[in-house]
Amino acid sequence: MEMADITIHMEPVISERGRAQLQSTLHNLGEDDQINIVMEAADAHQADQITNILKDAGFDYQPRGSHDGRLYHIIARRKVK
């Protein structure tokens, strides 16, 4: 089976609709799939809303800033059982 690599953009703001879309997407991801959540670096202080959703859904994640400092990425995969 091939791994899926999905990207969700939470720009320009992290909205309720965006969080709901993330939860729905996480529910449908397979064990080997990866998701990249992108937000503006200025909104990185709101990343805990996203990381809490990831934790609750059983995902490990790694935050990263972009090279130009404009974007903030959270790369997540389902935790290994």
PDB file of N, CA and C in Angstrom:
ATOM      1  N   MET A   1       0.835  -1.181   0.000  1.00  0.00           N
ATOM      2  CA  MET A   1       0.000   0.000   0.000  1.00  0.00           C
ATOM      3  C   MET A   1       0.881   1.246   0.000  1.00  0.00           C
ATOM      4  N   GLU A   2       0.492   2.233  -0.773  1.00  0.00           N
ATOM      5  CA  GLU A   2       1.250   3.475  -0.853  1.00  0.00           C
ATOM      6  C   GLU A   2       0.879   4.429   0.273  1.00  0.00           C
ATOM      7  N   MET A   3       1.859   5.192   0.719  1.00  0.00           N
ATOM      8  CA  MET A   3       1.636   6.188   1.761  1.00  0.00           C
ATOM      9  C   MET A   3       1.056   7.458   1.141  1.00  0.00           C
ATOM     10  N   ALA A   4       0.092   8.045   1.819  1.00  0.00           N
ATOM     11  CA  ALA A   4      -0.471   9.331   1.395  1.00  0.00           C
ATOM     12  C   ALA A   4       0.240  10.448   2.151  1.00  0.00           C
ATOM     13  N   ASP A   5       0.448  11.552   1.475  1.00  0.00           N
ATOM     14  CA  ASP A   5       1.047  12.739   2.077  1.00  0.00           C
ATOM     15  C   ASP A   5       0.068  13.886   1.829  1.00  0.00           C
ATOM     16  N   ILE A   6      -0.637  14.293   2.879  1.00  0.00           N
ATOM     17  CA  ILE A   6      -1.723  15.266   2.768  1.00  0.00           C
ATOM     18  C   ILE A   6      -1.297  16.573   3.426  1.00  0.00           C
ATOM     19  N   THR A   7      -1.671  17.695   2.805  1.00  0.00           N
ATOM     20  CA  THR A   7      -1.377  19.013   3.357  1.00  0.00           C
ATOM     21  C   THR A   7      -2.678  19.771   3.580  1.00  0.00           C
ATOM     22  N   ILE A   8      -2.806  20.365   4.770  1.00  0.00           N
ATOM     23  CA  ILE A   8      -3.943  21.225   5.096  1.00  0.00           C
ATOM     24  C   ILE A   8      -3.383  22.599   5.447  1.00  0.00           C
ATOM     25  N   HIS A   9      -3.922  23.634   4.823  1.00  0.00           N
ATOM     26  CA  HIS A   9      -3.499  25.007   5.100  1.00  0.00           C
ATOM     27  C   HIS A   9      -4.482  25.651   6.077  1.00  0.00           C
ATOM     28  N   MET A  10      -3.963  26.168   7.184  1.00  0.00           N
ATOM     29  CA  MET A  10      -4.760  26.853   8.198  1.00  0.00           C
ATOM     30  C   MET A  10      -4.466  28.348   8.125  1.00  0.00           C
ATOM     31  N   GLU A  11      -4.507  28.879   6.916  1.00  0.00           N
ATOM     32  CA  GLU A  11      -4.188  30.288   6.715  1.00  0.00           C
ATOM     33  C   GLU A  11      -5.406  31.010   6.178  1.00  0.00           C
ATOM     34  N   PRO A  12      -5.665  32.230   6.434  1.00  0.00           N
ATOM     35  CA  PRO A  12      -4.852  33.117   7.268  1.00  0.00           C
ATOM     36  C   PRO A  12      -5.134  32.980   8.765  1.00  0.00           C
ATOM     37  N   VAL A  13      -6.218  32.297   9.154  1.00  0.00           N
ATOM     38  CA  VAL A  13      -6.509  32.122  10.583  1.00  0.00           C
ATOM     39  C   VAL A  13      -6.875  30.664  10.837  1.00  0.00           C
ATOM     40  N   ILE A  14      -6.716  30.244  12.083  1.00  0.00           N
ATOM     41  CA  ILE A  14      -7.128  28.902  12.487  1.00  0.00           C
ATOM     42  C   ILE A  14      -8.587  29.004  12.909  1.00  0.00           C
ATOM     43  N   SER A  15      -9.474  28.470  12.088  1.00  0.00           N
ATOM     44  CA  SER A  15     -10.903  28.614  12.330  1.00  0.00           C
ATOM     45  C   SER A  15     -11.514  27.300  12.825  1.00  0.00           C
ATOM     46  N   GLU A  16     -12.739  27.394  13.313  1.00  0.00           N
ATOM     47  CA  GLU A  16     -13.483  26.206  13.734  1.00  0.00           C
ATOM     48  C   GLU A  16     -13.656  25.254  12.555  1.00  0.00           C
ATOM     49  N   ARG A  17     -13.934  25.809  11.394  1.00  0.00           N
ATOM     50  CA  ARG A  17     -14.092  24.984  10.181  1.00  0.00           C
ATOM     51  C   ARG A  17     -12.792  24.258   9.850  1.00  0.00           C
ATOM     52  N   GLY A  18     -11.677  24.943   9.977  1.00  0.00           N
ATOM     53  CA  GLY A  18     -10.377  24.323   9.723  1.00  0.00           C
ATOM     54  C   GLY A  18     -10.080  23.200  10.699  1.00  0.00           C
ATOM     55  N   ARG A  19     -10.400  23.407  11.973  1.00  0.00           N
ATOM     56  CA  ARG A  19     -10.186  22.365  12.984  1.00  0.00           C
ATOM     57  C   ARG A  19     -11.076  21.159  12.714  1.00  0.00           C
ATOM     58  N   ALA A  20     -12.316  21.400  12.304  1.00  0.00           N
ATOM     59  CA  ALA A  20     -13.236  20.299  11.976  1.00  0.00           C
ATOM     60  C   ALA A  20     -12.730  19.525  10.760  1.00  0.00           C
ATOM     61  N   GLN A  21     -12.210  20.242   9.767  1.00  0.00           N
ATOM     62  CA  GLN A  21     -11.654  19.586   8.577  1.00  0.00           C
ATOM     63  C   GLN A  21     -10.459  18.714   8.971  1.00  0.00           C
ATOM     64  N   LEU A  22      -9.624  19.220   9.856  1.00  0.00           N
ATOM     65  CA  LEU A  22      -8.472  18.459  10.320  1.00  0.00           C
ATOM     66  C   LEU A  22      -8.924  17.177  11.012  1.00  0.00           C
ATOM     67  N   GLN A  23      -9.882  17.274  11.914  1.00  0.00           N
ATOM     68  CA  GLN A  23     -10.369  16.091  12.623  1.00  0.00           C
ATOM     69  C   GLN A  23     -10.918  15.054  11.658  1.00  0.00           C
ATOM     70  N   SER A  24     -11.670  15.493  10.674  1.00  0.00           N
ATOM     71  CA  SER A  24     -12.231  14.578   9.676  1.00  0.00           C
ATOM     72  C   SER A  24     -11.119  13.906   8.863  1.00  0.00           C
ATOM     73  N   THR A  25     -10.134  14.681   8.472  1.00  0.00           N
ATOM     74  CA  THR A  25      -9.017  14.146   7.698  1.00  0.00           C
ATOM     75  C   THR A  25      -8.228  13.133   8.513  1.00  0.00           C
ATOM     76  N   LEU A  26      -7.959  13.433   9.777  1.00  0.00           N
ATOM     77  CA  LEU A  26      -7.208  12.512  10.636  1.00  0.00           C
ATOM     78  C   LEU A  26      -7.931  11.184  10.772  1.00  0.00           C
ATOM     79  N   HIS A  27      -9.235  11.246  10.888  1.00  0.00           N
ATOM     80  CA  HIS A  27     -10.043  10.029  11.049  1.00  0.00           C
ATOM     81  C   HIS A  27      -9.862   9.089   9.856  1.00  0.00           C
ATOM     82  N   ASN A  28      -9.638   9.665   8.673  1.00  0.00           N
ATOM     83  CA  ASN A  28      -9.545   8.867   7.452  1.00  0.00           C
ATOM     84  C   ASN A  28      -8.116   8.498   7.046  1.00  0.00           C
ATOM     85  N   LEU A  29      -7.115   8.933   7.799  1.00  0.00           N
ATOM     86  CA  LEU A  29      -5.733   8.619   7.455  1.00  0.00           C
ATOM     87  C   LEU A  29      -5.378   7.193   7.869  1.00  0.00           C
ATOM     88  N   GLY A  30      -4.599   6.533   7.023  1.00  0.00           N
ATOM     89  CA  GLY A  30      -4.119   5.195   7.336  1.00  0.00           C
ATOM     90  C   GLY A  30      -2.887   5.239   8.224  1.00  0.00           C
ATOM     91  N   GLU A  31      -2.407   4.062   8.596  1.00  0.00           N
ATOM     92  CA  GLU A  31      -1.270   3.960   9.512  1.00  0.00           C
ATOM     93  C   GLU A  31       0.014   4.552   8.946  1.00  0.00           C
ATOM     94  N   ASP A  32       0.210   4.466   7.643  1.00  0.00           N
ATOM     95  CA  ASP A  32       1.448   4.947   7.032  1.00  0.00           C
ATOM     96  C   ASP A  32       1.325   6.337   6.428  1.00  0.00           C
ATOM     97  N   ASP A  33       0.168   6.955   6.553  1.00  0.00           N
ATOM     98  CA  ASP A  33      -0.057   8.267   5.956  1.00  0.00           C
ATOM     99  C   ASP A  33       0.545   9.374   6.824  1.00  0.00           C
ATOM    100  N   GLN A  34       0.844  10.481   6.184  1.00  0.00           N
ATOM    101  CA  GLN A  34       1.414  11.638   6.866  1.00  0.00           C
ATOM    102  C   GLN A  34       0.609  12.880   6.505  1.00  0.00           C
ATOM    103  N   ILE A  35       0.471  13.782   7.473  1.00  0.00           N
ATOM    104  CA  ILE A  35      -0.235  15.038   7.216  1.00  0.00           C
ATOM    105  C   ILE A  35       0.676  16.204   7.574  1.00  0.00           C
ATOM    106  N   ASN A  36       0.637  17.227   6.746  1.00  0.00           N
ATOM    107  CA  ASN A  36       1.409  18.444   6.955  1.00  0.00           C
ATOM    108  C   ASN A  36       0.410  19.585   7.145  1.00  0.00           C
ATOM    109  N   ILE A  37       0.386  20.166   8.321  1.00  0.00           N
ATOM    110  CA  ILE A  37      -0.518  21.275   8.620  1.00  0.00           C
ATOM    111  C   ILE A  37       0.309  22.559   8.531  1.00  0.00           C
ATOM    112  N   VAL A  38      -0.153  23.488   7.715  1.00  0.00           N
ATOM    113  CA  VAL A  38       0.595  24.717   7.457  1.00  0.00           C
ATOM    114  C   VAL A  38      -0.202  25.912   7.987  1.00  0.00           C
ATOM    115  N   MET A  39       0.490  26.785   8.720  1.00  0.00           N
ATOM    116  CA  MET A  39      -0.128  28.015   9.203  1.00  0.00           C
ATOM    117  C   MET A  39       0.892  29.137   9.110  1.00  0.00           C
ATOM    118  N   GLU A  40       0.431  30.344   9.207  1.00  0.00           N
ATOM    119  CA  GLU A  40       1.343  31.482   9.214  1.00  0.00           C
ATOM    120  C   GLU A  40       2.169  31.462  10.495  1.00  0.00           C
ATOM    121  N   ALA A  41       3.434  31.810  10.386  1.00  0.00           N
ATOM    122  CA  ALA A  41       4.315  31.809  11.555  1.00  0.00           C
ATOM    123  C   ALA A  41       3.780  32.725  12.655  1.00  0.00           C
ATOM    124  N   ALA A  42       3.103  33.794  12.270  1.00  0.00           N
ATOM    125  CA  ALA A  42       2.536  34.715  13.255  1.00  0.00           C
ATOM    126  C   ALA A  42       1.447  34.057  14.096  1.00  0.00           C
ATOM    127  N   ASP A  43       0.869  32.941  13.600  1.00  0.00           N
ATOM    128  CA  ASP A  43      -0.175  32.219  14.332  1.00  0.00           C
ATOM    129  C   ASP A  43       0.359  31.009  15.077  1.00  0.00           C
ATOM    130  N   ALA A  44       1.682  30.836  15.098  1.00  0.00           N
ATOM    131  CA  ALA A  44       2.274  29.660  15.738  1.00  0.00           C
ATOM    132  C   ALA A  44       1.897  29.569  17.216  1.00  0.00           C
ATOM    133  N   HIS A  45       1.604  30.694  17.846  1.00  0.00           N
ATOM    134  CA  HIS A  45       1.196  30.668  19.250  1.00  0.00           C
ATOM    135  C   HIS A  45      -0.156  29.970  19.434  1.00  0.00           C
ATOM    136  N   GLN A  46      -0.889  29.756  18.345  1.00  0.00           N
ATOM    137  CA  GLN A  46      -2.169  29.049  18.403  1.00  0.00           C
ATOM    138  C   GLN A  46      -2.030  27.566  18.055  1.00  0.00           C
ATOM    139  N   ALA A  47      -0.809  27.118  17.852  1.00  0.00           N
ATOM    140  CA  ALA A  47      -0.578  25.741  17.420  1.00  0.00           C
ATOM    141  C   ALA A  47      -1.069  24.709  18.424  1.00  0.00           C
ATOM    142  N   ASP A  48      -1.202  25.097  19.696  1.00  0.00           N
ATOM    143  CA  ASP A  48      -1.671  24.127  20.687  1.00  0.00           C
ATOM    144  C   ASP A  48      -3.079  23.633  20.375  1.00  0.00           C
ATOM    145  N   GLN A  49      -3.888  24.436  19.699  1.00  0.00           N
ATOM    146  CA  GLN A  49      -5.215  23.974  19.272  1.00  0.00           C
ATOM    147  C   GLN A  49      -5.073  22.779  18.327  1.00  0.00           C
ATOM    148  N   ILE A  50      -4.099  22.861  17.443  1.00  0.00           N
ATOM    149  CA  ILE A  50      -3.854  21.810  16.469  1.00  0.00           C
ATOM    150  C   ILE A  50      -3.195  20.600  17.133  1.00  0.00           C
ATOM    151  N   THR A  51      -2.181  20.845  17.944  1.00  0.00           N
ATOM    152  CA  THR A  51      -1.478  19.721  18.565  1.00  0.00           C
ATOM    153  C   THR A  51      -2.381  18.955  19.527  1.00  0.00           C
ATOM    154  N   ASN A  52      -3.315  19.626  20.172  1.00  0.00           N
ATOM    155  CA  ASN A  52      -4.266  18.916  21.034  1.00  0.00           C
ATOM    156  C   ASN A  52      -5.155  17.981  20.218  1.00  0.00           C
ATOM    157  N   ILE A  53      -5.585  18.426  19.053  1.00  0.00           N
ATOM    158  CA  ILE A  53      -6.383  17.570  18.163  1.00  0.00           C
ATOM    159  C   ILE A  53      -5.550  16.361  17.743  1.00  0.00           C
ATOM    160  N   LEU A  54      -4.287  16.596  17.396  1.00  0.00           N
ATOM    161  CA  LEU A  54      -3.411  15.496  16.981  1.00  0.00           C
ATOM    162  C   LEU A  54      -3.201  14.494  18.108  1.00  0.00           C
ATOM    163  N   LYS A  55      -2.937  14.986  19.316  1.00  0.00           N
ATOM    164  CA  LYS A  55      -2.746  14.099  20.469  1.00  0.00           C
ATOM    165  C   LYS A  55      -3.989  13.267  20.724  1.00  0.00           C
ATOM    166  N   ASP A  56      -5.151  13.904  20.720  1.00  0.00           N
ATOM    167  CA  ASP A  56      -6.406  13.206  20.984  1.00  0.00           C
ATOM    168  C   ASP A  56      -6.703  12.132  19.939  1.00  0.00           C
ATOM    169  N   ALA A  57      -6.220  12.340  18.708  1.00  0.00           N
ATOM    170  CA  ALA A  57      -6.461  11.383  17.623  1.00  0.00           C
ATOM    171  C   ALA A  57      -5.363  10.316  17.538  1.00  0.00           C
ATOM    172  N   GLY A  58      -4.369  10.374  18.433  1.00  0.00           N
ATOM    173  CA  GLY A  58      -3.325   9.353  18.453  1.00  0.00           C
ATOM    174  C   GLY A  58      -2.202   9.587  17.453  1.00  0.00           C
ATOM    175  N   PHE A  59      -1.834  10.842  17.247  1.00  0.00           N
ATOM    176  CA  PHE A  59      -0.776  11.177  16.298  1.00  0.00           C
ATOM    177  C   PHE A  59       0.451  11.737  17.009  1.00  0.00           C
ATOM    178  N   ASP A  60       1.631  11.400  16.487  1.00  0.00           N
ATOM    179  CA  ASP A  60       2.881  12.051  16.866  1.00  0.00           C
ATOM    180  C   ASP A  60       3.089  13.196  15.889  1.00  0.00           C
ATOM    181  N   TYR A  61       3.771  14.238  16.317  1.00  0.00           N
ATOM    182  CA  TYR A  61       3.952  15.388  15.433  1.00  0.00           C
ATOM    183  C   TYR A  61       5.307  16.041  15.671  1.00  0.00           C
ATOM    184  N   GLN A  62       5.741  16.766  14.655  1.00  0.00           N
ATOM    185  CA  GLN A  62       6.991  17.510  14.710  1.00  0.00           C
ATOM    186  C   GLN A  62       6.758  18.900  14.132  1.00  0.00           C
ATOM    187  N   PRO A  63       6.879  19.962  14.937  1.00  0.00           N
ATOM    188  CA  PRO A  63       6.719  21.324  14.404  1.00  0.00           C
ATOM    189  C   PRO A  63       8.010  21.790  13.721  1.00  0.00           C
ATOM    190  N   ARG A  64       7.839  22.587  12.667  1.00  0.00           N
ATOM    191  CA  ARG A  64       8.991  23.141  11.951  1.00  0.00           C
ATOM    192  C   ARG A  64       8.629  24.496  11.374  1.00  0.00           C
ATOM    193  N   GLY A  65       9.566  25.405  11.419  1.00  0.00           N
ATOM    194  CA  GLY A  65       9.391  26.693  10.756  1.00  0.00           C
ATOM    195  C   GLY A  65       9.918  26.606   9.334  1.00  0.00           C
ATOM    196  N   SER A  66       9.403  27.454   8.470  1.00  0.00           N
ATOM    197  CA  SER A  66       9.903  27.483   7.091  1.00  0.00           C
ATOM    198  C   SER A  66      11.231  28.228   7.049  1.00  0.00           C
ATOM    199  N   HIS A  67      11.968  28.048   5.971  1.00  0.00           N
ATOM    200  CA  HIS A  67      13.281  28.691   5.839  1.00  0.00           C
ATOM    201  C   HIS A  67      13.183  30.210   5.822  1.00  0.00           C
ATOM    202  N   ASP A  68      12.088  30.720   5.262  1.00  0.00           N
ATOM    203  CA  ASP A  68      11.955  32.182   5.177  1.00  0.00           C
ATOM    204  C   ASP A  68      11.270  32.782   6.412  1.00  0.00           C
ATOM    205  N   GLY A  69      10.839  31.930   7.360  1.00  0.00           N
ATOM    206  CA  GLY A  69      10.234  32.408   8.598  1.00  0.00           C
ATOM    207  C   GLY A  69       8.787  32.845   8.482  1.00  0.00           C
ATOM    208  N   ARG A  70       8.166  32.635   7.337  1.00  0.00           N
ATOM    209  CA  ARG A  70       6.786  33.083   7.130  1.00  0.00           C
ATOM    210  C   ARG A  70       5.747  32.028   7.505  1.00  0.00           C
ATOM    211  N   LEU A  71       6.128  30.749   7.417  1.00  0.00           N
ATOM    212  CA  LEU A  71       5.172  29.673   7.663  1.00  0.00           C
ATOM    213  C   LEU A  71       5.633  28.780   8.805  1.00  0.00           C
ATOM    214  N   TYR A  72       4.676  28.107   9.409  1.00  0.00           N
ATOM    215  CA  TYR A  72       4.918  27.167  10.502  1.00  0.00           C
ATOM    216  C   TYR A  72       4.243  25.863  10.094  1.00  0.00           C
ATOM    217  N   HIS A  73       4.990  24.775  10.103  1.00  0.00           N
ATOM    218  CA  HIS A  73       4.476  23.472   9.692  1.00  0.00           C
ATOM    219  C   HIS A  73       4.405  22.536  10.890  1.00  0.00           C
ATOM    220  N   ILE A  74       3.382  21.715  10.921  1.00  0.00           N
ATOM    221  CA  ILE A  74       3.295  20.624  11.881  1.00  0.00           C
ATOM    222  C   ILE A  74       3.124  19.358  11.050  1.00  0.00           C
ATOM    223  N   ILE A  75       4.119  18.487  11.106  1.00  0.00           N
ATOM    224  CA  ILE A  75       4.085  17.243  10.346  1.00  0.00           C
ATOM    225  C   ILE A  75       3.714  16.141  11.324  1.00  0.00           C
ATOM    226  N   ALA A  76       2.693  15.365  10.969  1.00  0.00           N
ATOM    227  CA  ALA A  76       2.157  14.372  11.902  1.00  0.00           C
ATOM    228  C   ALA A  76       1.939  13.023  11.224  1.00  0.00           C
ATOM    229  N   ARG A  77       2.132  11.980  12.030  1.00  0.00           N
ATOM    230  CA  ARG A  77       1.861  10.597  11.620  1.00  0.00           C
ATOM    231  C   ARG A  77       1.201   9.885  12.787  1.00  0.00           C
ATOM    232  N   ARG A  78       0.405   8.901  12.471  1.00  0.00           N
ATOM    233  CA  ARG A  78      -0.254   8.111  13.509  1.00  0.00           C
ATOM    234  C   ARG A  78       0.809   7.414  14.370  1.00  0.00           C
ATOM    235  N   LYS A  79       0.595   7.387  15.683  1.00  0.00           N
ATOM    236  CA  LYS A  79       1.548   6.744  16.586  1.00  0.00           C
ATOM    237  C   LYS A  79       1.622   5.252  16.272  1.00  0.00           C
ATOM    238  N   VAL A  80       2.834   4.707  16.370  1.00  0.00           N
ATOM    239  CA  VAL A  80       3.045   3.279  16.154  1.00  0.00           C
ATOM    240  C   VAL A  80       2.519   2.532  17.368  1.00  0.00           C
ATOM    241  N   LYS A  81       1.756   1.508  17.090  1.00  0.00           N
ATOM    242  CA  LYS A  81       1.165   0.736  18.209  1.00  0.00           C
ATOM    243  C   LYS A  81       2.111  -0.302  18.721  1.00  0.00           C
TER     244      LYS A  81
END
